[in-house]
Amino acid sequence: MHDFVEHALELLLKHDMAGFAGLWAEDGVLEFPFAGPGYPKRVEGRDAIREYLRDYPNLLDIREVTAKTVHETTDPGVVVVEFTVAGVVVATQKPYELSYIAVITVEGGEIRTYRDYWSPLAAAEVIGGVEELTAAFTGGDRG
């Protein structure tokens, strides 16, 4: 699982969102347990996940992983990853750093579920406000 996590983070650093989404099973799920009102709580299916992640590099330019801890679980197909990424907010060119916790279930070399525990309030602060964050993650800026 460590190699799988390393590969996933490498794809993020390369801004390869199609490759990152390609890690999911065709019917895999991306979940956001802390999603606020108006934010998606679930994105189902590899194609929908690819579309959801498509514009992420236009929002945040991830340049490095500044912290990472991989926790193995008693289930060999489940891993908990704590990580922090740093980079630049594309619209403002201001630096940012955000921390995440992901609970990832992998089956047959593909992600079945990825539960992304991130703070919308911390992200809003980094991006420049709640309205900007909402537009970025709900398609408001995709015209």
C-alpha atoms as a PDB file:
ATOM      1  CA  MET A   1       0.000   0.000   0.000  1.00  0.00           C
ATOM      2  CA  HIS A   2       2.917   2.364   0.594  1.00  0.00           C
ATOM      3  CA  ASP A   3       3.873   2.133  -3.085  1.00  0.00           C
ATOM      4  CA  PHE A   4       0.272   2.789  -4.111  1.00  0.00           C
ATOM      5  CA  VAL A   5       0.123   5.915  -1.916  1.00  0.00           C
ATOM      6  CA  GLU A   6       3.487   7.138  -3.225  1.00  0.00           C
ATOM      7  CA  HIS A   7       2.286   6.703  -6.803  1.00  0.00           C
ATOM      8  CA  ALA A   8      -0.969   8.582  -6.089  1.00  0.00           C
ATOM      9  CA  LEU A   9       0.885  11.513  -4.503  1.00  0.00           C
ATOM     10  CA  GLU A  10       3.363  11.555  -7.388  1.00  0.00           C
ATOM     11  CA  LEU A  11       0.457  11.916  -9.835  1.00  0.00           C
ATOM     12  CA  LEU A  12      -0.879  14.846  -7.810  1.00  0.00           C
ATOM     13  CA  LEU A  13       2.525  16.540  -7.853  1.00  0.00           C
ATOM     14  CA  LYS A  14       2.675  16.080 -11.631  1.00  0.00           C
ATOM     15  CA  HIS A  15      -0.816  17.622 -11.911  1.00  0.00           C
ATOM     16  CA  ASP A  16      -1.916  14.425 -13.664  1.00  0.00           C
ATOM     17  CA  MET A  17      -5.531  14.454 -12.541  1.00  0.00           C
ATOM     18  CA  ALA A  18      -6.601  12.025 -15.279  1.00  0.00           C
ATOM     19  CA  GLY A  19      -3.942   9.603 -14.050  1.00  0.00           C
ATOM     20  CA  PHE A  20      -4.974  10.162 -10.428  1.00  0.00           C
ATOM     21  CA  ALA A  21      -8.642   9.530 -11.292  1.00  0.00           C
ATOM     22  CA  GLY A  22      -7.496   6.464 -13.222  1.00  0.00           C
ATOM     23  CA  LEU A  23      -6.505   4.860  -9.913  1.00  0.00           C
ATOM     24  CA  TRP A  24     -10.206   4.377  -9.113  1.00  0.00           C
ATOM     25  CA  ALA A  25     -12.171   1.288 -10.052  1.00  0.00           C
ATOM     26  CA  GLU A  26     -14.703   1.952 -12.792  1.00  0.00           C
ATOM     27  CA  ASP A  27     -17.437   2.084 -10.129  1.00  0.00           C
ATOM     28  CA  GLY A  28     -15.203   3.489  -7.366  1.00  0.00           C
ATOM     29  CA  VAL A  29     -16.358   6.254  -5.057  1.00  0.00           C
ATOM     30  CA  LEU A  30     -14.815   9.502  -3.801  1.00  0.00           C
ATOM     31  CA  GLU A  31     -16.487  10.634  -0.564  1.00  0.00           C
ATOM     32  CA  PHE A  32     -16.276  13.900   1.384  1.00  0.00           C
ATOM     33  CA  PRO A  33     -17.658  13.227   4.889  1.00  0.00           C
ATOM     34  CA  PHE A  34     -17.088  16.857   5.978  1.00  0.00           C
ATOM     35  CA  ALA A  35     -18.642  18.443   2.888  1.00  0.00           C
ATOM     36  CA  GLY A  36     -20.706  21.495   3.717  1.00  0.00           C
ATOM     37  CA  PRO A  37     -24.044  22.509   2.211  1.00  0.00           C
ATOM     38  CA  GLY A  38     -23.810  22.826  -1.558  1.00  0.00           C
ATOM     39  CA  TYR A  39     -20.714  20.640  -1.816  1.00  0.00           C
ATOM     40  CA  PRO A  40     -20.846  17.109  -3.195  1.00  0.00           C
ATOM     41  CA  LYS A  41     -20.706  14.416  -0.526  1.00  0.00           C
ATOM     42  CA  ARG A  42     -20.042  11.625  -3.058  1.00  0.00           C
ATOM     43  CA  VAL A  43     -18.707  11.351  -6.560  1.00  0.00           C
ATOM     44  CA  GLU A  44     -19.438   7.929  -8.036  1.00  0.00           C
ATOM     45  CA  GLY A  45     -17.589   6.251 -10.884  1.00  0.00           C
ATOM     46  CA  ARG A  46     -14.151   6.775 -12.417  1.00  0.00           C
ATOM     47  CA  ASP A  47     -15.453   9.021 -15.208  1.00  0.00           C
ATOM     48  CA  ALA A  48     -17.333  11.294 -12.786  1.00  0.00           C
ATOM     49  CA  ILE A  49     -14.267  11.434 -10.520  1.00  0.00           C
ATOM     50  CA  ARG A  50     -12.068  12.339 -13.504  1.00  0.00           C
ATOM     51  CA  GLU A  51     -14.466  15.161 -14.417  1.00  0.00           C
ATOM     52  CA  TYR A  52     -14.666  16.348 -10.793  1.00  0.00           C
ATOM     53  CA  LEU A  53     -10.856  16.513 -10.475  1.00  0.00           C
ATOM     54  CA  ARG A  54     -10.186  17.876 -13.974  1.00  0.00           C
ATOM     55  CA  ASP A  55      -9.802  21.551 -13.030  1.00  0.00           C
ATOM     56  CA  TYR A  56      -8.051  21.068  -9.685  1.00  0.00           C
ATOM     57  CA  PRO A  57      -4.628  22.129 -11.062  1.00  0.00           C
ATOM     58  CA  ASN A  58      -6.228  25.379 -12.302  1.00  0.00           C
ATOM     59  CA  LEU A  59      -7.226  26.089  -8.703  1.00  0.00           C
ATOM     60  CA  LEU A  60      -4.257  24.851  -6.684  1.00  0.00           C
ATOM     61  CA  ASP A  61      -0.735  24.337  -7.996  1.00  0.00           C
ATOM     62  CA  ILE A  62       0.556  21.563  -5.725  1.00  0.00           C
ATOM     63  CA  ARG A  63       4.343  21.764  -5.572  1.00  0.00           C
ATOM     64  CA  GLU A  64       5.332  19.527  -2.681  1.00  0.00           C
ATOM     65  CA  VAL A  65       4.147  17.108  -0.054  1.00  0.00           C
ATOM     66  CA  THR A  66       5.446  18.603   3.186  1.00  0.00           C
ATOM     67  CA  ALA A  67       4.278  15.846   5.531  1.00  0.00           C
ATOM     68  CA  LYS A  68       3.077  12.288   5.062  1.00  0.00           C
ATOM     69  CA  THR A  69       2.217   9.424   7.374  1.00  0.00           C
ATOM     70  CA  VAL A  70       0.790   6.153   6.074  1.00  0.00           C
ATOM     71  CA  HIS A  71      -1.082   4.029   8.618  1.00  0.00           C
ATOM     72  CA  GLU A  72      -1.581   0.379   7.746  1.00  0.00           C
ATOM     73  CA  THR A  73      -4.756  -1.155   9.171  1.00  0.00           C
ATOM     74  CA  THR A  74      -5.759  -4.655  10.153  1.00  0.00           C
ATOM     75  CA  ASP A  75      -7.412  -4.904   6.720  1.00  0.00           C
ATOM     76  CA  PRO A  76      -4.622  -5.157   4.116  1.00  0.00           C
ATOM     77  CA  GLY A  77      -6.848  -3.369   1.583  1.00  0.00           C
ATOM     78  CA  VAL A  78      -7.391  -0.286   3.753  1.00  0.00           C
ATOM     79  CA  VAL A  79      -4.874   2.430   4.486  1.00  0.00           C
ATOM     80  CA  VAL A  80      -5.162   5.765   6.303  1.00  0.00           C
ATOM     81  CA  VAL A  81      -2.969   8.532   4.950  1.00  0.00           C
ATOM     82  CA  GLU A  82      -2.274  11.843   6.678  1.00  0.00           C
ATOM     83  CA  PHE A  83      -0.615  14.304   4.348  1.00  0.00           C
ATOM     84  CA  THR A  84       0.017  17.980   3.847  1.00  0.00           C
ATOM     85  CA  VAL A  85       0.549  19.611   0.482  1.00  0.00           C
ATOM     86  CA  ALA A  86       1.993  23.028  -0.268  1.00  0.00           C
ATOM     87  CA  GLY A  87       1.919  25.132  -3.361  1.00  0.00           C
ATOM     88  CA  VAL A  88       0.340  28.226  -4.867  1.00  0.00           C
ATOM     89  CA  VAL A  89      -3.265  29.345  -5.288  1.00  0.00           C
ATOM     90  CA  VAL A  90      -3.386  29.821  -9.062  1.00  0.00           C
ATOM     91  CA  ALA A  91      -5.776  32.806  -9.084  1.00  0.00           C
ATOM     92  CA  THR A  92      -3.814  34.844  -6.522  1.00  0.00           C
ATOM     93  CA  GLN A  93      -0.329  33.302  -6.729  1.00  0.00           C
ATOM     94  CA  LYS A  94      -0.350  33.252  -2.909  1.00  0.00           C
ATOM     95  CA  PRO A  95       1.307  30.313  -1.168  1.00  0.00           C
ATOM     96  CA  TYR A  96      -0.858  27.747   0.584  1.00  0.00           C
ATOM     97  CA  GLU A  97      -0.531  24.652   2.704  1.00  0.00           C
ATOM     98  CA  LEU A  98      -3.415  22.259   3.405  1.00  0.00           C
ATOM     99  CA  SER A  99      -3.633  19.044   5.397  1.00  0.00           C
ATOM    100  CA  TYR A 100      -5.766  16.032   4.538  1.00  0.00           C
ATOM    101  CA  ILE A 101      -6.640  12.654   5.955  1.00  0.00           C
ATOM    102  CA  ALA A 102      -7.727   9.992   3.475  1.00  0.00           C
ATOM    103  CA  VAL A 103      -9.114   6.550   4.221  1.00  0.00           C
ATOM    104  CA  ILE A 104      -8.495   4.521   1.085  1.00  0.00           C
ATOM    105  CA  THR A 105      -9.853   1.065   0.289  1.00  0.00           C
ATOM    106  CA  VAL A 106      -8.030  -0.680  -2.559  1.00  0.00           C
ATOM    107  CA  GLU A 107      -9.212  -3.881  -4.212  1.00  0.00           C
ATOM    108  CA  GLY A 108      -7.537  -5.491  -7.212  1.00  0.00           C
ATOM    109  CA  GLY A 109      -5.064  -2.618  -7.466  1.00  0.00           C
ATOM    110  CA  GLU A 110      -7.831  -0.003  -7.797  1.00  0.00           C
ATOM    111  CA  ILE A 111      -9.481   2.390  -5.366  1.00  0.00           C
ATOM    112  CA  ARG A 112     -12.955   1.231  -4.324  1.00  0.00           C
ATOM    113  CA  THR A 113     -13.518   4.074  -1.857  1.00  0.00           C
ATOM    114  CA  TYR A 114     -11.514   7.166  -1.022  1.00  0.00           C
ATOM    115  CA  ARG A 115     -12.862   9.091   1.960  1.00  0.00           C
ATOM    116  CA  ASP A 116     -11.337  12.560   1.869  1.00  0.00           C
ATOM    117  CA  TYR A 117     -11.389  14.289   5.272  1.00  0.00           C
ATOM    118  CA  TRP A 118     -10.400  17.893   4.597  1.00  0.00           C
ATOM    119  CA  SER A 119     -11.468  21.182   6.117  1.00  0.00           C
ATOM    120  CA  PRO A 120     -13.594  23.357   3.841  1.00  0.00           C
ATOM    121  CA  LEU A 121     -12.974  26.293   6.200  1.00  0.00           C
ATOM    122  CA  ALA A 122      -9.194  25.944   5.906  1.00  0.00           C
ATOM    123  CA  ALA A 123      -9.510  25.638   2.132  1.00  0.00           C
ATOM    124  CA  ALA A 124     -11.746  28.725   1.948  1.00  0.00           C
ATOM    125  CA  GLU A 125      -9.165  30.715   3.893  1.00  0.00           C
ATOM    126  CA  VAL A 126      -6.425  29.631   1.497  1.00  0.00           C
ATOM    127  CA  ILE A 127      -8.417  30.220  -1.702  1.00  0.00           C
ATOM    128  CA  GLY A 128      -9.754  33.620  -0.708  1.00  0.00           C
ATOM    129  CA  GLY A 129     -13.193  33.078   0.745  1.00  0.00           C
ATOM    130  CA  VAL A 130     -16.170  30.776   0.942  1.00  0.00           C
ATOM    131  CA  GLU A 131     -17.722  32.050  -2.299  1.00  0.00           C
ATOM    132  CA  GLU A 132     -14.518  31.388  -4.260  1.00  0.00           C
ATOM    133  CA  LEU A 133     -14.216  27.920  -2.747  1.00  0.00           C
ATOM    134  CA  THR A 134     -17.847  27.101  -3.478  1.00  0.00           C
ATOM    135  CA  ALA A 135     -17.509  28.227  -7.096  1.00  0.00           C
ATOM    136  CA  ALA A 136     -14.330  26.195  -7.524  1.00  0.00           C
ATOM    137  CA  PHE A 137     -15.717  22.938  -6.136  1.00  0.00           C
ATOM    138  CA  THR A 138     -19.293  23.073  -7.403  1.00  0.00           C
ATOM    139  CA  GLY A 139     -18.612  24.087 -10.967  1.00  0.00           C
ATOM    140  CA  GLY A 140     -19.501  27.756 -10.564  1.00  0.00           C
ATOM    141  CA  ASP A 141     -16.284  28.762 -12.300  1.00  0.00           C
ATOM    142  CA  ARG A 142     -16.665  26.311 -15.186  1.00  0.00           C
ATOM    143  CA  GLY A 143     -19.205  28.452 -17.035  1.00  0.00           C
END
